[in-house]
């Protein structure tokens, strides 16, 4: 009945207007008793963390039984003091109600859960994540324990060795600690080839590696708690975005990132103490728009974002990390052993058959479309934009031949494709569809306009890009056959061009593409959430969201 007793007296305290109760200490004189009723409230039993539920019940009776002999409370004193020290040393300051919630949830786990019981500090993370609502915390904790058992997460650090590709090209690692004693994890996301890692390993291996990082983080928190003599239950993550570009917006890579965020949020709550995002480039708002809806509001409050070199000024990195351990690539003097990343060689990519055999799919079957491009017959995709400042994003691979990529704008809608029309028409072939939307009678500069410079893409290249629209209307993405230019000194084609043309049978090219539109409201909404953060991001967001100019960027990977 410990729970009922605690709740009864807590309710009485509330009625009396008492908000603080000092910890119980043994009386100096054996016969002395406090004259006030609230001194005997069962607060100290809630401190009893290491003891069993039976022992907790006994200590409740000892404290509440006024007819007890003087030796009884004295006998319980050493345990009570040890419990108080344990909480202060390993768990931090807790209110009586929070201590009660912790004991009740741990007792329930001991009675009902078969298997490894998490440590008190980990149970506290789930309670804090649900504002100490026991029912909600119990639900997500049970789901997490089942997940850990199913995937053998408790043994991942001892039994799983990361593939060599991850050790060489995953640009992240642990690096000392911050000023609060939290373990510091450094991630050079801008230098990391996320597409190459997913293509070489698949999503599952990447997720497993991130889980091992989180497990190592929990272990380091325990070690730092012992070293610094105070509770440390979370870590700090420093993310350097120098080099971030449209390649990082490769759709399967973004989907893998979203799944990783979802798994980590569900199973490692309240483990991120602070996230420092440095050198955020112009393309960052697009990535933030895609990712931010999946991040918990409480977690988002821990983000500090700096554009350019703002992290070097007041309120920057030195407020959170000692000067002696700032990594060398950020202008510090400490050599950081985090791998530099770089492009993953395509020779390490897995084939579609290998990925499918291991149940690691890259969503290419569901979100990517195939198209054939012929000489004189480009493939075109129509996108209608209602609100200016919307963002058109694209991701395509040139599977065969060389193409020219164009973006056009028109105030009027092109006619739907008709096979018997002399203008717009469509062709269906085994290699993919071919749709032409721009009528042959349309004149460039009159009926439609080019909004970006043409981009020549070679066979085997992967292209990611985005365009912030300036006007509403109809936008046409076009993939056009690229004719080989003749040599400048003679009319004869170059040898390389002849060899390349021989590889393109019947003047046919093939692309696999994916397009997506981020609405103006969503894009600006995500930017508002960034601007409301305590960060140095305001200048960057103002430059990026300006509706007076269109903005486009593309990244080609070979």
Protein backbone atom coordinates (compact mmCIF):
# COMPACT_ATOMS: atom_id res chain seq x y z
CA UNK A 1 0.00 0.00 0.00
CA UNK A 2 3.00 2.27 -0.26
CA UNK A 3 1.58 4.01 -3.34
CA UNK A 4 -1.77 4.75 -1.63
CA UNK A 5 -0.06 6.05 1.51
CA UNK A 6 2.23 8.36 -0.45
CA UNK A 7 -0.62 9.73 -2.54
CA UNK A 8 -2.79 10.27 0.60
CA UNK A 9 -0.17 12.37 2.35
CA UNK A 10 0.84 14.22 -0.81
CA UNK A 11 -2.79 15.27 -1.19
CA UNK A 12 -2.81 16.53 2.38
CA UNK A 13 0.35 18.51 1.71
CA UNK A 14 -1.26 20.14 -1.30
CA UNK A 15 -4.31 21.12 0.76
CA UNK A 16 -2.03 22.68 3.39
CA UNK A 17 -0.16 24.62 0.69
CA UNK A 18 3.17 22.89 1.40
CA UNK A 19 5.40 22.58 -1.68
CA UNK A 20 8.67 21.43 -0.10
CA UNK A 21 9.43 18.73 2.45
CA UNK A 22 13.01 18.26 3.75
CA UNK A 23 14.45 14.77 3.72
CA UNK A 24 13.86 12.79 6.88
CA UNK A 25 16.82 12.48 9.25
CA UNK A 26 17.02 10.41 12.43
CA UNK A 27 16.11 12.35 15.59
CA UNK A 28 18.91 13.42 17.93
CA UNK A 29 17.03 12.17 20.97
CA UNK A 30 15.39 8.77 20.76
CA UNK A 31 12.10 9.94 22.33
CA UNK A 32 11.83 13.18 20.43
CA UNK A 33 9.13 13.45 17.90
CA UNK A 34 8.28 16.28 15.59
CA UNK A 35 5.22 18.28 16.51
CA UNK A 36 4.26 18.92 12.92
CA UNK A 37 2.40 16.19 11.07
CA UNK A 38 4.08 16.68 7.72
CA UNK A 39 7.54 15.67 8.97
CA UNK A 40 6.41 12.04 9.05
CA UNK A 41 5.25 12.02 5.43
CA UNK A 42 6.53 8.93 3.60
CA UNK A 43 8.98 10.80 1.41
CA UNK A 44 12.19 8.98 2.21
CA UNK A 45 10.84 5.55 1.17
CA UNK A 46 10.58 6.98 -2.35
CA UNK A 47 14.35 7.39 -2.23
CA UNK A 48 14.86 3.67 -1.79
CA UNK A 49 16.18 2.89 -5.28
CA UNK A 50 18.44 -0.17 -5.00
CA UNK A 51 16.30 -2.16 -2.50
CA UNK A 52 13.59 -4.64 -3.42
CA UNK A 53 9.89 -3.94 -3.25
CA UNK A 54 9.61 -5.89 0.04
CA UNK A 55 12.24 -3.75 1.64
CA UNK A 56 10.49 -0.62 0.48
CA UNK A 57 7.29 -1.79 2.15
CA UNK A 58 9.09 -2.41 5.44
CA UNK A 59 10.72 1.00 5.44
CA UNK A 60 7.29 2.57 4.87
CA UNK A 61 5.94 0.86 7.98
CA UNK A 62 9.00 1.76 10.02
CA UNK A 63 8.63 5.44 9.28
CA UNK A 64 4.86 5.65 9.62
CA UNK A 65 4.56 3.55 12.80
CA UNK A 66 4.73 6.06 15.69
CA UNK A 67 4.75 3.32 18.35
CA UNK A 68 7.98 1.84 17.07
CA UNK A 69 10.89 1.53 19.42
CA UNK A 70 13.73 4.03 18.95
CA UNK A 71 15.99 1.34 17.58
CA UNK A 72 13.76 0.62 14.59
CA UNK A 73 14.17 3.94 12.73
CA UNK A 74 17.80 4.02 13.74
CA UNK A 75 18.34 0.64 12.11
CA UNK A 76 16.91 1.97 8.87
CA UNK A 77 18.98 5.11 8.89
CA UNK A 78 22.13 3.93 7.07
CA UNK A 79 20.07 2.62 4.13
CA UNK A 80 18.13 5.86 3.92
CA UNK A 81 21.26 7.97 3.82
CA UNK A 82 22.80 5.66 1.23
CA UNK A 83 19.67 5.95 -0.88
CA UNK A 84 19.75 9.75 -0.70
CA UNK A 85 23.39 9.81 -1.70
CA UNK A 86 22.69 7.37 -4.53
CA UNK A 87 19.97 9.57 -5.99
CA UNK A 88 22.04 12.73 -5.75
CA UNK A 89 25.11 10.96 -7.15
CA UNK A 90 23.58 9.03 -10.03
CA UNK A 91 20.10 10.38 -10.75
CA UNK A 92 20.11 14.06 -9.87
CA UNK A 93 17.60 16.16 -7.97
CA UNK A 94 14.16 14.55 -7.98
CA UNK A 95 10.96 15.72 -6.36
CA UNK A 96 9.17 13.28 -4.02
CA UNK A 97 6.59 12.64 -6.73
CA UNK A 98 9.28 11.89 -9.30
CA UNK A 99 11.02 9.52 -6.89
CA UNK A 100 7.69 7.80 -6.29
CA UNK A 101 7.08 7.41 -10.03
CA UNK A 102 10.51 5.88 -10.51
CA UNK A 103 10.04 3.32 -7.74
CA UNK A 104 6.54 2.38 -8.87
CA UNK A 105 7.61 1.88 -12.48
CA UNK A 106 10.72 -0.09 -11.51
CA UNK A 107 8.69 -2.25 -9.11
CA UNK A 108 6.13 -2.93 -11.83
CA UNK A 109 8.93 -4.00 -14.21
CA UNK A 110 10.38 -6.35 -11.60
CA UNK A 111 7.02 -7.98 -11.09
CA UNK A 112 5.87 -8.28 -14.68
CA UNK A 113 8.83 -8.05 -17.04
CA UNK A 114 10.83 -11.17 -17.75
CA UNK A 115 14.31 -10.33 -18.87
CA UNK A 116 16.88 -7.64 -18.29
CA UNK A 117 15.57 -4.69 -16.29
CA UNK A 118 16.98 -1.32 -17.41
CA UNK A 119 18.94 0.78 -14.97
CA UNK A 120 17.24 3.50 -12.97
CA UNK A 121 18.74 6.31 -15.03
CA UNK A 122 17.35 4.77 -18.22
CA UNK A 123 13.87 4.35 -16.69
CA UNK A 124 14.06 8.01 -15.71
CA UNK A 125 14.64 8.97 -19.36
CA UNK A 126 11.29 7.46 -20.36
CA UNK A 127 9.55 9.12 -17.40
CA UNK A 128 11.01 12.51 -18.31
CA UNK A 129 10.04 12.02 -21.95
CA UNK A 130 6.40 11.68 -20.84
CA UNK A 131 6.48 14.31 -18.07
CA UNK A 132 6.38 11.56 -15.41
CA UNK A 133 3.06 10.19 -16.60
CA UNK A 134 3.53 6.59 -15.48
CA UNK A 135 1.01 5.04 -17.85
CA UNK A 136 2.50 6.72 -20.92
CA UNK A 137 6.07 6.07 -19.81
CA UNK A 138 5.27 2.40 -19.11
CA UNK A 139 3.80 1.98 -22.59
CA UNK A 140 6.80 3.33 -24.52
CA UNK A 141 9.27 1.63 -22.17
CA UNK A 142 7.65 -1.78 -22.70
CA UNK A 143 7.67 -1.29 -26.45
CA UNK A 144 11.35 -0.36 -26.29
CA UNK A 145 12.25 -3.37 -24.13
CA UNK A 146 10.48 -5.69 -26.59
CA UNK A 147 12.32 -4.02 -29.47
CA UNK A 148 15.69 -4.37 -27.72
CA UNK A 149 15.11 -8.05 -27.08
CA UNK A 150 13.92 -8.71 -30.61
CA UNK A 151 16.97 -7.07 -32.19
CA UNK A 152 19.51 -8.11 -29.53
CA UNK A 153 20.45 -4.49 -28.95
CA UNK A 154 21.89 -5.21 -25.49
CA UNK A 155 24.67 -7.21 -27.09
CA UNK A 156 25.34 -5.07 -30.15
CA UNK A 157 28.59 -3.58 -28.83
CA UNK A 158 30.03 -6.99 -27.98
CA UNK A 159 28.83 -9.06 -30.93
CA UNK A 160 28.57 -6.76 -33.96
CA UNK A 161 31.56 -5.43 -35.88
CA UNK A 162 30.84 -2.54 -38.26
CA UNK A 163 31.75 -3.21 -41.92
CA UNK A 164 34.99 -1.67 -43.12
CA UNK A 165 33.05 0.71 -45.39
CA UNK A 166 31.49 2.33 -42.33
CA UNK A 167 34.80 2.58 -40.53
CA UNK A 168 36.37 4.29 -43.55
CA UNK A 169 33.58 6.53 -44.84
CA UNK A 170 31.23 7.25 -41.92
CA UNK A 171 32.48 10.68 -40.84
CA UNK A 172 31.54 10.53 -37.17
CA UNK A 173 33.12 9.63 -33.84
CA UNK A 174 33.39 10.39 -30.12
CA UNK A 175 35.60 13.31 -29.12
CA UNK A 176 36.20 14.11 -25.42
CA UNK A 177 33.34 15.89 -23.60
CA UNK A 178 31.66 19.30 -23.36
CA UNK A 179 31.84 21.78 -20.47
CA UNK A 180 29.00 20.01 -18.66
CA UNK A 181 30.82 16.68 -18.75
CA UNK A 182 28.57 15.22 -21.43
CA UNK A 183 30.24 12.90 -23.97
CA UNK A 184 30.76 14.77 -27.23
CA UNK A 185 29.97 13.13 -30.58
CA UNK A 186 31.24 14.83 -33.74
CA UNK A 187 29.50 14.20 -37.08
CA UNK A 188 30.89 15.73 -40.28
CA UNK A 189 27.69 15.24 -42.22
CA UNK A 190 28.72 17.59 -45.02
CA UNK A 191 31.74 15.38 -45.79
CA UNK A 192 29.78 12.13 -45.71
CA UNK A 193 28.52 10.35 -48.83
CA UNK A 194 25.10 9.30 -47.52
CA UNK A 195 24.00 8.00 -50.91
CA UNK A 196 27.15 5.93 -51.31
CA UNK A 197 26.77 4.43 -47.84
CA UNK A 198 23.15 3.45 -48.44
CA UNK A 199 23.98 2.01 -51.87
CA UNK A 200 26.97 0.08 -50.49
CA UNK A 201 25.44 -1.17 -47.23
CA UNK A 202 21.69 -0.74 -47.29
CA UNK A 203 19.53 0.95 -44.72
CA UNK A 204 19.64 -1.81 -42.10
CA UNK A 205 23.42 -1.79 -41.68
CA UNK A 206 23.41 1.99 -41.40
CA UNK A 207 20.67 1.87 -38.77
CA UNK A 208 22.54 -0.80 -36.82
CA UNK A 209 25.64 1.37 -36.79
CA UNK A 210 23.69 4.33 -35.43
CA UNK A 211 22.25 2.08 -32.71
CA UNK A 212 25.77 1.01 -31.73
CA UNK A 213 26.70 4.70 -31.46
CA UNK A 214 23.77 5.30 -29.11
CA UNK A 215 24.67 2.27 -27.00
CA UNK A 216 28.22 3.54 -26.76
CA UNK A 217 26.79 6.91 -25.72
CA UNK A 218 24.89 5.29 -22.83
CA UNK A 219 28.08 3.56 -21.73
CA UNK A 220 30.06 6.80 -21.87
CA UNK A 221 27.41 8.59 -19.83
CA UNK A 222 27.87 6.01 -17.06
CA UNK A 223 31.64 6.41 -17.19
CA UNK A 224 31.45 10.22 -17.08
CA UNK A 225 29.02 10.03 -14.15
CA UNK A 226 31.71 8.20 -12.19
CA UNK A 227 34.50 10.49 -13.38
CA UNK A 228 32.79 13.82 -12.65
CA UNK A 229 30.89 12.70 -9.56
CA UNK A 230 27.50 13.93 -10.75
CA UNK A 231 24.68 12.51 -12.86
CA UNK A 232 25.33 12.68 -16.62
CA UNK A 233 22.50 11.08 -18.59
CA UNK A 234 22.85 12.63 -22.05
CA UNK A 235 25.45 13.58 -24.62
CA UNK A 236 26.18 16.51 -26.90
CA UNK A 237 26.29 16.14 -30.67
CA UNK A 238 28.25 18.52 -32.89
CA UNK A 239 27.23 18.38 -36.57
CA UNK A 240 29.43 20.13 -39.12
CA UNK A 241 27.53 20.85 -42.35
CA UNK A 242 30.47 22.23 -44.33
CA UNK A 243 30.10 20.61 -47.77
CA UNK A 244 26.39 19.82 -47.48
CA UNK A 245 24.76 19.96 -50.91
CA UNK A 246 21.90 18.56 -52.93
CA UNK A 247 23.56 15.15 -53.04
CA UNK A 248 22.56 14.74 -49.42
CA UNK A 249 18.91 15.14 -50.44
CA UNK A 250 18.97 11.85 -52.37
CA UNK A 251 15.50 10.60 -51.54
CA UNK A 252 16.29 7.05 -50.30
CA UNK A 253 19.02 8.58 -48.14
CA UNK A 254 16.54 11.05 -46.62
CA UNK A 255 14.06 8.23 -46.00
CA UNK A 256 16.79 6.21 -44.27
CA UNK A 257 17.58 9.26 -42.13
CA UNK A 258 13.91 9.68 -41.19
CA UNK A 259 13.66 6.04 -40.16
CA UNK A 260 16.82 6.35 -38.03
CA UNK A 261 15.36 9.43 -36.33
CA UNK A 262 12.12 7.57 -35.66
CA UNK A 263 13.87 4.56 -34.09
CA UNK A 264 16.22 6.68 -31.97
CA UNK A 265 13.41 8.95 -30.74
CA UNK A 266 11.37 5.92 -29.65
CA UNK A 267 14.12 3.98 -27.89
CA UNK A 268 16.64 6.56 -26.67
CA UNK A 269 14.52 9.41 -25.27
CA UNK A 270 16.19 12.26 -23.40
CA UNK A 271 19.67 11.12 -24.41
CA UNK A 272 20.45 14.19 -26.52
CA UNK A 273 21.47 17.01 -24.23
CA UNK A 274 22.42 19.50 -26.94
CA UNK A 275 22.81 19.53 -30.73
CA UNK A 276 25.22 22.06 -32.21
CA UNK A 277 24.79 22.50 -35.97
CA UNK A 278 27.69 24.45 -37.47
CA UNK A 279 28.35 26.06 -40.87
CA UNK A 280 24.82 25.50 -42.18
CA UNK A 281 24.79 26.22 -45.94
CA UNK A 282 22.02 27.63 -48.12
CA UNK A 283 20.66 24.17 -48.93
CA UNK A 284 20.09 23.35 -45.24
CA UNK A 285 16.53 24.81 -45.08
CA UNK A 286 15.37 22.29 -47.69
CA UNK A 287 16.78 19.38 -45.66
CA UNK A 288 15.31 20.85 -42.47
CA UNK A 289 11.87 21.09 -44.08
CA UNK A 290 11.95 17.37 -44.87
CA UNK A 291 13.30 16.25 -41.50
CA UNK A 292 11.89 18.63 -38.87
CA UNK A 293 8.30 17.21 -38.75
CA UNK A 294 9.73 13.92 -37.47
CA UNK A 295 11.67 15.50 -34.58
CA UNK A 296 10.01 15.82 -31.17
CA UNK A 297 9.34 19.37 -29.98
CA UNK A 298 11.35 18.86 -26.79
CA UNK A 299 14.29 17.59 -28.84
CA UNK A 300 14.01 20.50 -31.27
CA UNK A 301 14.47 22.96 -28.39
CA UNK A 302 17.95 21.55 -27.86
CA UNK A 303 19.12 22.56 -31.35
CA UNK A 304 21.57 25.44 -31.77
CA UNK A 305 22.19 26.34 -35.42
CA UNK A 306 24.99 28.55 -36.71
CA UNK A 307 25.50 29.72 -40.28
CA UNK A 308 28.94 30.48 -41.70
CA UNK A 309 31.46 31.33 -39.00
CA UNK A 310 28.89 32.51 -36.45
CA UNK A 311 29.95 29.67 -34.15
CA UNK A 312 33.24 31.51 -33.56
CA UNK A 313 31.55 34.59 -32.10
CA UNK A 314 29.73 35.35 -28.82
CA UNK A 315 27.26 32.64 -27.84
CA UNK A 316 29.11 30.20 -30.07
CA UNK A 317 31.11 27.04 -29.60
CA UNK A 318 33.29 28.31 -26.74
CA UNK A 319 30.20 28.61 -24.54
CA UNK A 320 29.74 24.84 -24.63
CA UNK A 321 33.14 23.29 -25.41
CA UNK A 322 36.55 24.04 -23.90
CA UNK A 323 38.95 25.75 -26.26
CA UNK A 324 41.51 22.97 -25.81
CA UNK A 325 39.28 20.32 -27.40
CA UNK A 326 37.76 22.24 -30.33
CA UNK A 327 38.54 20.09 -33.41
CA UNK A 328 41.23 21.25 -35.82
CA UNK A 329 38.84 21.39 -38.80
CA UNK A 330 36.83 24.02 -36.91
CA UNK A 331 39.86 26.20 -36.25
CA UNK A 332 40.82 24.56 -32.95
CA UNK A 333 44.09 23.04 -31.84
CA UNK A 334 42.84 19.54 -30.97
CA UNK A 335 43.46 16.82 -33.53
CA UNK A 336 40.17 15.07 -34.20
CA UNK A 337 40.39 11.42 -35.21
CA UNK A 338 36.96 11.35 -36.83
CA UNK A 339 37.21 9.92 -40.39
CA UNK A 340 37.06 12.55 -43.11
CA UNK A 341 34.44 10.68 -45.11
CA UNK A 342 34.59 11.23 -48.87
CA UNK A 343 32.83 9.53 -51.78
CA UNK A 344 32.24 5.81 -51.43
CA UNK A 345 33.71 4.06 -54.53
CA UNK A 346 30.99 2.79 -56.83
CA UNK A 347 32.84 -0.53 -56.96
CA UNK A 348 31.53 -1.08 -53.40
CA UNK A 349 27.89 -0.52 -54.36
CA UNK A 350 25.56 -3.50 -53.94
CA UNK A 351 23.51 -4.66 -56.88
CA UNK A 352 19.74 -4.47 -56.80
CA UNK A 353 19.60 -8.26 -56.57
CA UNK A 354 21.86 -8.32 -53.51
CA UNK A 355 19.83 -5.62 -51.80
CA UNK A 356 16.59 -7.42 -52.56
CA UNK A 357 17.92 -10.79 -51.35
CA UNK A 358 18.78 -9.21 -48.00
CA UNK A 359 15.42 -7.43 -47.75
CA UNK A 360 17.15 -4.05 -48.00
CA UNK A 361 15.20 -2.02 -50.51
CA UNK A 362 15.95 1.52 -51.57
CA UNK A 363 12.35 2.39 -52.49
CA UNK A 364 13.34 2.70 -56.14
CA UNK A 365 10.43 0.52 -57.15
CA UNK A 366 7.88 2.74 -55.49
CA UNK A 367 9.01 6.35 -55.84
CA UNK A 368 11.31 6.38 -58.89
CA UNK A 369 10.07 6.41 -62.46
CA UNK A 370 11.89 5.36 -65.61
CA UNK A 371 11.89 7.42 -68.78
CA UNK A 372 13.36 7.01 -72.24
CA UNK A 373 14.86 9.99 -74.05
CA UNK A 374 15.25 9.90 -77.82
CA UNK A 375 16.96 12.20 -80.26
CA UNK A 376 14.31 14.79 -81.05
CA UNK A 377 11.96 13.43 -78.39
CA UNK A 378 12.77 14.68 -74.86
CA UNK A 379 10.94 13.49 -71.75
CA UNK A 380 9.05 16.19 -69.85
CA UNK A 381 7.30 16.34 -66.47
CA UNK A 382 4.68 18.97 -65.62
CA UNK A 383 4.52 20.52 -62.14
CA UNK A 384 1.83 23.05 -61.25
CA UNK A 385 2.77 25.64 -58.64
CA UNK A 386 0.02 27.58 -56.89
CA UNK A 387 2.09 29.56 -54.38
CA UNK A 388 5.31 31.35 -55.19
CA UNK A 389 8.38 30.41 -53.12
CA UNK A 390 7.49 26.73 -53.23
CA UNK A 391 10.47 24.41 -53.67
CA UNK A 392 10.76 21.92 -56.53
CA UNK A 393 13.26 19.16 -55.76
CA UNK A 394 14.55 16.46 -58.12
CA UNK A 395 16.77 13.44 -57.99
CA UNK A 396 17.67 11.44 -61.09
CA UNK A 397 20.24 8.99 -62.38
CA UNK A 398 21.41 8.96 -65.98
CA UNK A 399 21.36 5.21 -66.66
CA UNK A 400 22.26 5.38 -70.35
CA UNK A 401 23.59 8.05 -72.69
CA UNK A 402 24.12 11.77 -72.06
CA UNK A 403 21.28 14.22 -71.51
CA UNK A 404 20.61 17.93 -71.02
CA UNK A 405 18.39 18.89 -68.08
CA UNK A 406 16.23 22.03 -68.38
CA UNK A 407 13.57 23.80 -66.29
CA UNK A 408 10.91 25.93 -68.01
CA UNK A 409 8.02 28.08 -66.78
CA UNK A 410 4.75 28.85 -68.51
CA UNK A 411 1.71 30.82 -67.43
CA UNK A 412 -0.62 28.54 -69.36
CA UNK A 413 -0.93 24.77 -69.10
CA UNK A 414 0.36 22.68 -72.01
CA UNK A 415 -2.08 20.37 -73.72
CA UNK A 416 -2.26 16.80 -72.41
CA UNK A 417 -0.24 14.28 -74.43
CA UNK A 418 -1.95 12.86 -77.53
CA UNK A 419 -0.38 10.20 -79.71
CA UNK A 420 -2.10 11.42 -82.87
CA UNK A 421 -1.20 15.08 -82.32
CA UNK A 422 1.56 16.84 -84.22
CA UNK A 423 2.43 18.68 -81.02
CA UNK A 424 2.58 17.10 -77.61
CA UNK A 425 2.62 13.31 -77.57
CA UNK A 426 3.76 10.35 -75.51
CA UNK A 427 5.60 7.14 -76.26
CA UNK A 428 5.60 3.98 -74.17
CA UNK A 429 8.63 1.74 -74.46
CA UNK A 430 10.02 -1.19 -72.44
CA UNK A 431 12.74 1.11 -71.07
CA UNK A 432 10.29 3.67 -69.69
CA UNK A 433 7.80 6.30 -70.76
CA UNK A 434 8.48 9.29 -72.96
CA UNK A 435 6.15 12.27 -72.58
CA UNK A 436 6.43 15.55 -74.51
CA UNK A 437 4.43 18.49 -73.24
CA UNK A 438 5.86 21.55 -74.97
CA UNK A 439 3.95 22.08 -78.20
CA UNK A 440 6.14 22.41 -81.27
CA UNK A 441 4.41 25.70 -82.15
CA UNK A 442 5.37 27.23 -78.80
CA UNK A 443 8.13 29.81 -78.93
CA UNK A 444 10.76 30.08 -76.22
CA UNK A 445 10.60 33.53 -74.63
CA UNK A 446 7.01 34.02 -75.71
CA UNK A 447 4.91 31.02 -74.71
CA UNK A 448 7.34 29.73 -72.12
CA UNK A 449 10.65 30.76 -70.55
CA UNK A 450 13.78 29.04 -69.28
CA UNK A 451 14.26 29.64 -65.54
CA UNK A 452 17.62 27.88 -65.10
CA UNK A 453 20.68 27.34 -67.25
CA UNK A 454 20.82 23.97 -69.04
CA UNK A 455 22.73 21.26 -67.17
CA UNK A 456 24.66 18.64 -69.17
CA UNK A 457 24.67 15.25 -67.42
CA UNK A 458 26.85 12.34 -68.49
CA UNK A 459 26.03 8.64 -68.37
CA UNK A 460 26.38 7.21 -64.87
CA UNK A 461 25.94 10.55 -63.11
CA UNK A 462 23.50 11.11 -60.24
CA UNK A 463 21.96 14.56 -59.99
CA UNK A 464 20.12 16.13 -57.07
CA UNK A 465 18.81 19.69 -57.11
CA UNK A 466 16.14 22.14 -56.05
CA UNK A 467 14.55 25.33 -57.36
CA UNK A 468 12.74 27.93 -55.27
CA UNK A 469 9.94 29.13 -57.55
CA UNK A 470 9.50 32.83 -58.18
CA UNK A 471 6.07 32.78 -59.80
CA UNK A 472 3.00 30.52 -59.71
CA UNK A 473 2.09 28.71 -62.90
CA UNK A 474 3.32 25.62 -64.71
CA UNK A 475 6.90 24.35 -64.50
CA UNK A 476 8.26 21.78 -66.92
CA UNK A 477 11.25 19.59 -66.11
CA UNK A 478 12.86 18.37 -69.32
CA UNK A 479 15.42 15.66 -70.03
CA UNK A 480 16.75 16.12 -73.58
CA UNK A 481 19.09 14.04 -75.71
CA UNK A 482 22.58 15.57 -75.73
CA UNK A 483 24.16 15.69 -79.19
CA UNK A 484 27.94 15.27 -79.28
CA UNK A 485 29.73 18.46 -80.43
CA UNK A 486 32.18 18.29 -83.31
CA UNK A 487 35.88 19.01 -82.84
CA UNK A 488 36.68 22.73 -82.91
CA UNK A 489 39.45 22.53 -85.55
CA UNK A 490 37.74 20.14 -87.93
CA UNK A 491 34.26 19.01 -88.80
CA UNK A 492 35.13 15.47 -87.74
CA UNK A 493 33.82 14.18 -84.42
CA UNK A 494 36.26 13.29 -81.70
CA UNK A 495 37.26 9.67 -81.07
CA UNK A 496 35.78 9.71 -77.56
CA UNK A 497 32.51 11.03 -78.95
CA UNK A 498 32.36 8.29 -81.58
CA UNK A 499 32.96 5.60 -78.97
CA UNK A 500 30.32 7.12 -76.73
CA UNK A 501 27.80 7.32 -79.56
CA UNK A 502 28.32 3.65 -80.33
CA UNK A 503 27.25 2.80 -76.78
CA UNK A 504 23.96 4.64 -77.24
CA UNK A 505 21.93 2.39 -79.47
CA UNK A 506 19.36 4.08 -81.70
CA UNK A 507 20.08 7.47 -80.12
CA UNK A 508 18.27 6.46 -76.95
CA UNK A 509 18.96 7.55 -73.38
CA UNK A 510 17.42 6.36 -70.12
CA UNK A 511 16.89 8.16 -66.83
CA UNK A 512 15.38 7.20 -63.48
CA UNK A 513 13.92 10.21 -61.71
CA UNK A 514 11.96 11.38 -58.70
CA UNK A 515 10.45 14.84 -58.14
CA UNK A 516 8.78 16.41 -55.14
CA UNK A 517 7.30 19.82 -54.34
CA UNK A 518 7.66 21.37 -50.90
CA UNK A 519 4.79 23.80 -50.43
CA UNK A 520 5.49 27.44 -49.68
CA UNK A 521 3.64 27.16 -46.36
CA UNK A 522 5.62 24.09 -45.27
CA UNK A 523 8.92 25.57 -46.39
CA UNK A 524 8.33 28.89 -44.64
CA UNK A 525 6.91 27.10 -41.61
CA UNK A 526 10.08 25.10 -41.20
CA UNK A 527 12.11 28.28 -41.62
CA UNK A 528 10.04 29.95 -38.89
CA UNK A 529 10.86 27.10 -36.53
CA UNK A 530 14.52 27.61 -37.34
CA UNK A 531 14.37 31.34 -36.78
CA UNK A 532 12.65 30.85 -33.43
CA UNK A 533 15.55 28.69 -32.24
CA UNK A 534 18.31 30.24 -30.18
CA UNK A 535 20.75 30.21 -33.08
CA UNK A 536 22.74 32.26 -35.52
CA UNK A 537 20.59 31.20 -38.43
CA UNK A 538 18.57 34.36 -39.10
CA UNK A 539 20.83 35.77 -41.82
CA UNK A 540 20.95 32.45 -43.62
CA UNK A 541 17.19 31.96 -43.53
CA UNK A 542 16.56 35.49 -44.74
CA UNK A 543 18.84 34.96 -47.72
CA UNK A 544 17.31 31.61 -48.57
CA UNK A 545 13.61 32.39 -48.23
CA UNK A 546 13.69 35.67 -50.11
CA UNK A 547 10.82 35.59 -52.57
CA UNK A 548 12.24 38.33 -54.73
CA UNK A 549 14.64 35.92 -56.40
CA UNK A 550 14.52 32.32 -57.48
CA UNK A 551 17.15 30.02 -56.12
CA UNK A 552 18.37 26.80 -57.60
CA UNK A 553 21.20 24.45 -56.86
CA UNK A 554 22.24 21.12 -58.28
CA UNK A 555 24.82 18.57 -57.37
CA UNK A 556 26.28 16.02 -59.74
CA UNK A 557 28.06 12.93 -58.49
CA UNK A 558 30.15 10.74 -60.70
